[in-house]
Amino acid sequence: MKKYYVYILRCKGNNLYIGFTSNLKRRLSDHKSGNGCLFTKNKLPVKLVYYEKFNDFMRAKNRENQIKGWNRKKKENLIKYNHPAGIV
């Protein structure tokens, strides 16, 4: 069964980036090398600070959009209080 991930990166300048992928390790590597997206390319280095795993594409995509709509404080609280073990 395919897995999907919603993730949060902390970037240079303490910016947060919320993303979605089916291969978290590869996507993180892309971001760290400057090939992830324009936003993170200009804000290196990046660090994975949070992720969630899903079995369903639409649930993951909806969760990504939900988190993107939150204010900064709510995103920081998600990171602080729900930090999953074994960050990649």
N, C-alpha and C. Protein backbone atom coordinates (compact mmCIF):
# COMPACT_ATOMS: atom_id res chain seq x y z
N MET A 1 0.84 -1.19 0.00
CA MET A 1 0.00 0.00 0.00
C MET A 1 0.89 1.25 0.00
N LYS A 2 0.58 2.17 -0.86
CA LYS A 2 1.34 3.40 -0.98
C LYS A 2 1.10 4.31 0.22
N LYS A 3 2.16 4.97 0.65
CA LYS A 3 2.09 5.91 1.77
C LYS A 3 2.26 7.33 1.25
N TYR A 4 1.62 8.26 1.94
CA TYR A 4 1.72 9.68 1.62
C TYR A 4 2.09 10.43 2.88
N TYR A 5 2.84 11.48 2.73
CA TYR A 5 3.33 12.25 3.87
C TYR A 5 3.02 13.73 3.70
N VAL A 6 2.60 14.32 4.80
CA VAL A 6 2.51 15.77 4.91
C VAL A 6 3.63 16.14 5.87
N TYR A 7 4.41 17.14 5.49
CA TYR A 7 5.59 17.45 6.29
C TYR A 7 5.77 18.95 6.45
N ILE A 8 6.52 19.30 7.49
CA ILE A 8 6.86 20.70 7.73
C ILE A 8 8.37 20.80 7.82
N LEU A 9 8.92 21.75 7.07
CA LEU A 9 10.34 22.06 7.14
C LEU A 9 10.52 23.41 7.80
N ARG A 10 11.57 23.51 8.61
CA ARG A 10 11.97 24.81 9.13
C ARG A 10 13.14 25.27 8.26
N CYS A 11 13.01 26.44 7.69
CA CYS A 11 13.99 26.95 6.74
C CYS A 11 14.78 28.11 7.35
N LYS A 12 15.81 28.51 6.64
CA LYS A 12 16.60 29.68 7.02
C LYS A 12 15.65 30.85 7.29
N GLY A 13 15.93 31.61 8.32
CA GLY A 13 15.08 32.72 8.68
C GLY A 13 13.86 32.29 9.49
N ASN A 14 13.85 31.02 9.92
CA ASN A 14 12.77 30.44 10.72
C ASN A 14 11.44 30.37 9.96
N ASN A 15 11.50 30.37 8.63
CA ASN A 15 10.31 30.18 7.81
C ASN A 15 9.87 28.73 7.87
N LEU A 16 8.57 28.50 7.75
CA LEU A 16 8.04 27.14 7.70
C LEU A 16 7.53 26.85 6.30
N TYR A 17 7.79 25.63 5.84
CA TYR A 17 7.30 25.17 4.55
C TYR A 17 6.49 23.90 4.78
N ILE A 18 5.28 23.85 4.28
CA ILE A 18 4.42 22.67 4.40
C ILE A 18 4.34 22.02 3.03
N GLY A 19 4.60 20.72 2.99
CA GLY A 19 4.59 20.01 1.73
C GLY A 19 3.91 18.66 1.82
N PHE A 20 3.85 17.99 0.68
CA PHE A 20 3.16 16.72 0.52
C PHE A 20 3.99 15.86 -0.43
N THR A 21 4.15 14.57 -0.12
CA THR A 21 4.92 13.69 -0.98
C THR A 21 4.56 12.23 -0.73
N SER A 22 4.95 11.37 -1.65
CA SER A 22 4.80 9.93 -1.44
C SER A 22 6.14 9.29 -1.10
N ASN A 23 7.21 10.08 -1.12
CA ASN A 23 8.54 9.57 -0.76
C ASN A 23 9.25 10.64 0.06
N LEU A 24 9.11 10.55 1.37
CA LEU A 24 9.62 11.60 2.26
C LEU A 24 11.13 11.71 2.22
N LYS A 25 11.84 10.61 2.22
CA LYS A 25 13.30 10.68 2.20
C LYS A 25 13.82 11.34 0.93
N ARG A 26 13.27 10.96 -0.21
CA ARG A 26 13.71 11.56 -1.46
C ARG A 26 13.37 13.04 -1.52
N ARG A 27 12.16 13.38 -1.09
CA ARG A 27 11.73 14.79 -1.13
C ARG A 27 12.58 15.65 -0.20
N LEU A 28 12.89 15.13 0.97
CA LEU A 28 13.75 15.87 1.90
C LEU A 28 15.13 16.08 1.29
N SER A 29 15.65 15.05 0.66
CA SER A 29 16.94 15.17 -0.02
C SER A 29 16.88 16.24 -1.11
N ASP A 30 15.79 16.25 -1.87
CA ASP A 30 15.61 17.28 -2.90
C ASP A 30 15.65 18.68 -2.30
N HIS A 31 14.90 18.87 -1.22
CA HIS A 31 14.88 20.19 -0.57
C HIS A 31 16.26 20.58 -0.07
N LYS A 32 16.95 19.65 0.58
CA LYS A 32 18.27 19.96 1.16
C LYS A 32 19.31 20.30 0.09
N SER A 33 19.14 19.73 -1.09
CA SER A 33 20.11 20.00 -2.17
C SER A 33 19.75 21.24 -2.98
N GLY A 34 18.61 21.87 -2.66
CA GLY A 34 18.20 23.06 -3.39
C GLY A 34 17.33 22.75 -4.60
N ASN A 35 16.91 21.50 -4.75
CA ASN A 35 16.10 21.10 -5.90
C ASN A 35 14.65 20.80 -5.52
N GLY A 36 14.24 21.14 -4.31
CA GLY A 36 12.90 20.81 -3.86
C GLY A 36 11.84 21.71 -4.46
N CYS A 37 11.99 23.00 -4.26
CA CYS A 37 11.07 24.00 -4.81
C CYS A 37 11.72 25.37 -4.67
N LEU A 38 11.17 26.35 -5.33
CA LEU A 38 11.75 27.69 -5.31
C LEU A 38 11.79 28.27 -3.90
N PHE A 39 10.72 28.04 -3.13
CA PHE A 39 10.66 28.59 -1.78
C PHE A 39 11.82 28.10 -0.93
N THR A 40 12.04 26.80 -0.88
CA THR A 40 13.11 26.27 -0.02
C THR A 40 14.49 26.47 -0.64
N LYS A 41 14.57 26.52 -1.95
CA LYS A 41 15.85 26.72 -2.63
C LYS A 41 16.52 28.00 -2.14
N ASN A 42 15.72 29.02 -1.91
CA ASN A 42 16.25 30.32 -1.47
C ASN A 42 16.31 30.47 0.04
N LYS A 43 16.01 29.39 0.76
CA LYS A 43 15.99 29.47 2.22
C LYS A 43 16.72 28.30 2.86
N LEU A 44 17.83 27.89 2.26
CA LEU A 44 18.63 26.80 2.82
C LEU A 44 19.45 27.32 3.99
N PRO A 45 19.73 26.48 4.97
CA PRO A 45 19.38 25.06 5.05
C PRO A 45 17.95 24.84 5.54
N VAL A 46 17.46 23.62 5.31
CA VAL A 46 16.13 23.24 5.77
C VAL A 46 16.26 22.04 6.72
N LYS A 47 15.29 21.94 7.63
CA LYS A 47 15.29 20.83 8.58
C LYS A 47 13.86 20.31 8.71
N LEU A 48 13.71 19.00 8.61
CA LEU A 48 12.41 18.38 8.82
C LEU A 48 12.07 18.47 10.30
N VAL A 49 10.92 19.10 10.63
CA VAL A 49 10.54 19.25 12.03
C VAL A 49 9.24 18.54 12.37
N TYR A 50 8.52 18.06 11.34
CA TYR A 50 7.25 17.39 11.59
C TYR A 50 6.79 16.66 10.35
N TYR A 51 6.13 15.51 10.56
CA TYR A 51 5.47 14.85 9.44
C TYR A 51 4.35 13.95 9.95
N GLU A 52 3.42 13.67 9.05
CA GLU A 52 2.33 12.74 9.30
C GLU A 52 2.27 11.78 8.12
N LYS A 53 1.92 10.53 8.39
CA LYS A 53 1.83 9.50 7.35
C LYS A 53 0.38 9.12 7.13
N PHE A 54 0.02 8.93 5.85
CA PHE A 54 -1.35 8.58 5.46
C PHE A 54 -1.33 7.42 4.46
N ASN A 55 -2.41 6.66 4.45
CA ASN A 55 -2.59 5.59 3.45
C ASN A 55 -3.45 6.06 2.29
N ASP A 56 -4.05 7.22 2.42
CA ASP A 56 -5.00 7.72 1.43
C ASP A 56 -4.54 9.07 0.88
N PHE A 57 -4.44 9.16 -0.44
CA PHE A 57 -3.97 10.38 -1.11
C PHE A 57 -4.80 11.60 -0.72
N MET A 58 -6.12 11.50 -0.82
CA MET A 58 -6.97 12.66 -0.57
C MET A 58 -6.92 13.11 0.89
N ARG A 59 -6.83 12.18 1.82
CA ARG A 59 -6.72 12.58 3.24
C ARG A 59 -5.43 13.35 3.47
N ALA A 60 -4.35 12.90 2.85
CA ALA A 60 -3.06 13.59 2.99
C ALA A 60 -3.12 14.97 2.36
N LYS A 61 -3.67 15.05 1.16
CA LYS A 61 -3.74 16.34 0.47
C LYS A 61 -4.62 17.32 1.23
N ASN A 62 -5.74 16.84 1.76
CA ASN A 62 -6.62 17.70 2.56
C ASN A 62 -5.93 18.18 3.84
N ARG A 63 -5.14 17.29 4.45
CA ARG A 63 -4.42 17.68 5.67
C ARG A 63 -3.37 18.74 5.36
N GLU A 64 -2.67 18.58 4.24
CA GLU A 64 -1.69 19.58 3.84
C GLU A 64 -2.37 20.94 3.70
N ASN A 65 -3.49 20.99 3.01
CA ASN A 65 -4.21 22.25 2.83
C ASN A 65 -4.71 22.82 4.14
N GLN A 66 -5.16 21.94 5.04
CA GLN A 66 -5.62 22.39 6.35
C GLN A 66 -4.49 23.09 7.11
N ILE A 67 -3.33 22.44 7.18
CA ILE A 67 -2.19 23.01 7.92
C ILE A 67 -1.73 24.31 7.26
N LYS A 68 -1.70 24.36 5.96
CA LYS A 68 -1.30 25.59 5.26
C LYS A 68 -2.21 26.76 5.61
N GLY A 69 -3.46 26.49 5.94
CA GLY A 69 -4.40 27.54 6.28
C GLY A 69 -4.30 28.03 7.71
N TRP A 70 -3.52 27.35 8.53
CA TRP A 70 -3.38 27.74 9.93
C TRP A 70 -2.46 28.93 10.09
N ASN A 71 -2.63 29.63 11.21
CA ASN A 71 -1.71 30.72 11.52
C ASN A 71 -0.40 30.13 12.07
N ARG A 72 0.60 30.98 12.17
CA ARG A 72 1.94 30.54 12.58
C ARG A 72 1.94 29.88 13.95
N LYS A 73 1.22 30.45 14.90
CA LYS A 73 1.20 29.91 16.26
C LYS A 73 0.66 28.48 16.28
N LYS A 74 -0.39 28.24 15.54
CA LYS A 74 -0.99 26.90 15.52
C LYS A 74 -0.03 25.89 14.88
N LYS A 75 0.68 26.30 13.84
CA LYS A 75 1.68 25.42 13.21
C LYS A 75 2.82 25.11 14.19
N GLU A 76 3.28 26.13 14.89
CA GLU A 76 4.36 25.93 15.87
C GLU A 76 3.92 24.99 16.99
N ASN A 77 2.67 25.12 17.43
CA ASN A 77 2.16 24.22 18.47
C ASN A 77 2.07 22.78 17.96
N LEU A 78 1.69 22.60 16.72
CA LEU A 78 1.65 21.26 16.14
C LEU A 78 3.05 20.64 16.20
N ILE A 79 4.04 21.40 15.82
CA ILE A 79 5.42 20.92 15.84
C ILE A 79 5.86 20.63 17.28
N LYS A 80 5.58 21.54 18.16
CA LYS A 80 6.06 21.43 19.55
C LYS A 80 5.43 20.26 20.30
N TYR A 81 4.14 20.08 20.16
CA TYR A 81 3.42 19.11 20.98
C TYR A 81 3.15 17.77 20.30
N ASN A 82 3.46 17.65 19.03
CA ASN A 82 3.19 16.41 18.31
C ASN A 82 4.39 15.96 17.51
N HIS A 83 5.55 16.15 18.07
CA HIS A 83 6.79 15.83 17.38
C HIS A 83 6.95 14.30 17.30
N PRO A 84 6.76 13.71 16.10
CA PRO A 84 6.86 12.25 16.00
C PRO A 84 8.30 11.77 16.19
N ALA A 85 8.43 10.62 16.80
CA ALA A 85 9.76 10.03 16.99
C ALA A 85 10.30 9.60 15.63
N GLY A 86 11.60 9.59 15.52
CA GLY A 86 12.24 9.08 14.30
C GLY A 86 12.14 10.01 13.11
N ILE A 87 12.26 11.30 13.34
CA ILE A 87 12.27 12.24 12.22
C ILE A 87 13.37 11.81 11.25
N VAL A 88 13.03 11.81 10.00
CA VAL A 88 13.95 11.34 8.94
C VAL A 88 15.18 12.23 8.88
